[in-house]
């Protein structure tokens, strides 16, 4: 799983762009909620349609293991 905390240190000088922080938050929330967009959206405090829109904008695709469950 690609989490924000493990990858933050990999950026030069420990700085992330705001759009990268948002992308990681969305992807991490969806992954942690096992692909349940509604629960992921609620955990982030955003709407269901917003998380679908952001996931599409970030070209997010759930891992194969999550698709089959």
C-alpha atoms as a PDB file:
ATOM      1  CA  UNK A   1       0.000   0.000   0.000  1.00  0.00           C
ATOM      2  CA  UNK A   2       1.264   3.412  -0.947  1.00  0.00           C
ATOM      3  CA  UNK A   3       0.855   5.573   2.146  1.00  0.00           C
ATOM      4  CA  UNK A   4       1.510   9.250   2.542  1.00  0.00           C
ATOM      5  CA  UNK A   5       3.845   8.904   5.505  1.00  0.00           C
ATOM      6  CA  UNK A   6       6.161   6.382   3.856  1.00  0.00           C
ATOM      7  CA  UNK A   7       6.567   8.401   0.662  1.00  0.00           C
ATOM      8  CA  UNK A   8       6.720  11.907   2.115  1.00  0.00           C
ATOM      9  CA  UNK A   9      10.378  11.498   3.107  1.00  0.00           C
ATOM     10  CA  UNK A  10      11.298  10.454  -0.448  1.00  0.00           C
ATOM     11  CA  UNK A  11      10.669  13.933  -1.838  1.00  0.00           C
ATOM     12  CA  UNK A  12      13.635  16.260  -2.148  1.00  0.00           C
ATOM     13  CA  UNK A  13      13.928  18.429   0.928  1.00  0.00           C
ATOM     14  CA  UNK A  14      10.838  16.729   2.423  1.00  0.00           C
ATOM     15  CA  UNK A  15       8.455  19.009   0.521  1.00  0.00           C
ATOM     16  CA  UNK A  16       5.329  17.881  -1.330  1.00  0.00           C
ATOM     17  CA  UNK A  17       3.241  19.916  -3.716  1.00  0.00           C
ATOM     18  CA  UNK A  18      -0.326  20.498  -2.513  1.00  0.00           C
ATOM     19  CA  UNK A  19      -1.826  18.545  -5.427  1.00  0.00           C
ATOM     20  CA  UNK A  20       0.413  15.585  -4.548  1.00  0.00           C
ATOM     21  CA  UNK A  21      -0.706  15.730  -0.914  1.00  0.00           C
ATOM     22  CA  UNK A  22      -4.354  15.691  -2.040  1.00  0.00           C
ATOM     23  CA  UNK A  23      -3.755  12.817  -4.468  1.00  0.00           C
ATOM     24  CA  UNK A  24      -2.065  10.721  -1.803  1.00  0.00           C
ATOM     25  CA  UNK A  25      -4.814  11.439   0.719  1.00  0.00           C
ATOM     26  CA  UNK A  26      -7.508  10.312  -1.727  1.00  0.00           C
ATOM     27  CA  UNK A  27      -5.648   7.205  -2.904  1.00  0.00           C
ATOM     28  CA  UNK A  28      -4.680   6.209   0.625  1.00  0.00           C
ATOM     29  CA  UNK A  29      -8.253   6.659   1.913  1.00  0.00           C
ATOM     30  CA  UNK A  30      -9.702   4.513  -0.887  1.00  0.00           C
ATOM     31  CA  UNK A  31      -7.078   1.824  -0.321  1.00  0.00           C
ATOM     32  CA  UNK A  32      -7.596   1.801   3.446  1.00  0.00           C
ATOM     33  CA  UNK A  33     -11.364   1.530   2.949  1.00  0.00           C
ATOM     34  CA  UNK A  34     -10.815  -1.426   0.586  1.00  0.00           C
ATOM     35  CA  UNK A  35     -12.257   0.398  -2.403  1.00  0.00           C
ATOM     36  CA  UNK A  36     -15.383   1.681  -0.665  1.00  0.00           C
ATOM     37  CA  UNK A  37     -15.591   5.209  -2.041  1.00  0.00           C
ATOM     38  CA  UNK A  38     -18.430   6.280   0.263  1.00  0.00           C
ATOM     39  CA  UNK A  39     -16.560   5.387   3.451  1.00  0.00           C
ATOM     40  CA  UNK A  40     -13.340   6.877   2.061  1.00  0.00           C
ATOM     41  CA  UNK A  41     -15.140  10.124   1.216  1.00  0.00           C
ATOM     42  CA  UNK A  42     -16.667  10.314   4.688  1.00  0.00           C
ATOM     43  CA  UNK A  43     -13.274   9.714   6.302  1.00  0.00           C
ATOM     44  CA  UNK A  44     -11.859  12.656   4.338  1.00  0.00           C
ATOM     45  CA  UNK A  45     -14.874  14.885   4.995  1.00  0.00           C
ATOM     46  CA  UNK A  46     -15.744  15.229   1.297  1.00  0.00           C
ATOM     47  CA  UNK A  47     -18.720  14.159  -0.789  1.00  0.00           C
ATOM     48  CA  UNK A  48     -19.075  10.853  -2.614  1.00  0.00           C
ATOM     49  CA  UNK A  49     -19.157  12.497  -6.034  1.00  0.00           C
ATOM     50  CA  UNK A  50     -16.077  14.538  -5.148  1.00  0.00           C
ATOM     51  CA  UNK A  51     -14.002  11.460  -4.347  1.00  0.00           C
ATOM     52  CA  UNK A  52     -15.120   9.788  -7.596  1.00  0.00           C
ATOM     53  CA  UNK A  53     -14.156  12.948  -9.514  1.00  0.00           C
ATOM     54  CA  UNK A  54     -10.768  13.181  -7.801  1.00  0.00           C
ATOM     55  CA  UNK A  55     -10.029   9.470  -8.294  1.00  0.00           C
ATOM     56  CA  UNK A  56     -10.814   9.864 -11.999  1.00  0.00           C
ATOM     57  CA  UNK A  57      -8.658  13.008 -12.243  1.00  0.00           C
ATOM     58  CA  UNK A  58      -5.759  11.133 -10.606  1.00  0.00           C
ATOM     59  CA  UNK A  59      -6.295   8.087 -12.879  1.00  0.00           C
ATOM     60  CA  UNK A  60      -6.711   5.907  -9.804  1.00  0.00           C
ATOM     61  CA  UNK A  61      -7.462   2.226 -10.353  1.00  0.00           C
ATOM     62  CA  UNK A  62      -8.061  -0.154  -7.496  1.00  0.00           C
ATOM     63  CA  UNK A  63      -5.555  -3.010  -7.190  1.00  0.00           C
ATOM     64  CA  UNK A  64      -6.702  -6.288  -8.767  1.00  0.00           C
ATOM     65  CA  UNK A  65      -7.082  -7.985  -5.370  1.00  0.00           C
ATOM     66  CA  UNK A  66      -9.662  -5.369  -4.348  1.00  0.00           C
ATOM     67  CA  UNK A  67     -11.568  -5.623  -7.645  1.00  0.00           C
ATOM     68  CA  UNK A  68     -12.183  -9.344  -7.201  1.00  0.00           C
ATOM     69  CA  UNK A  69     -13.565  -9.093  -3.676  1.00  0.00           C
END
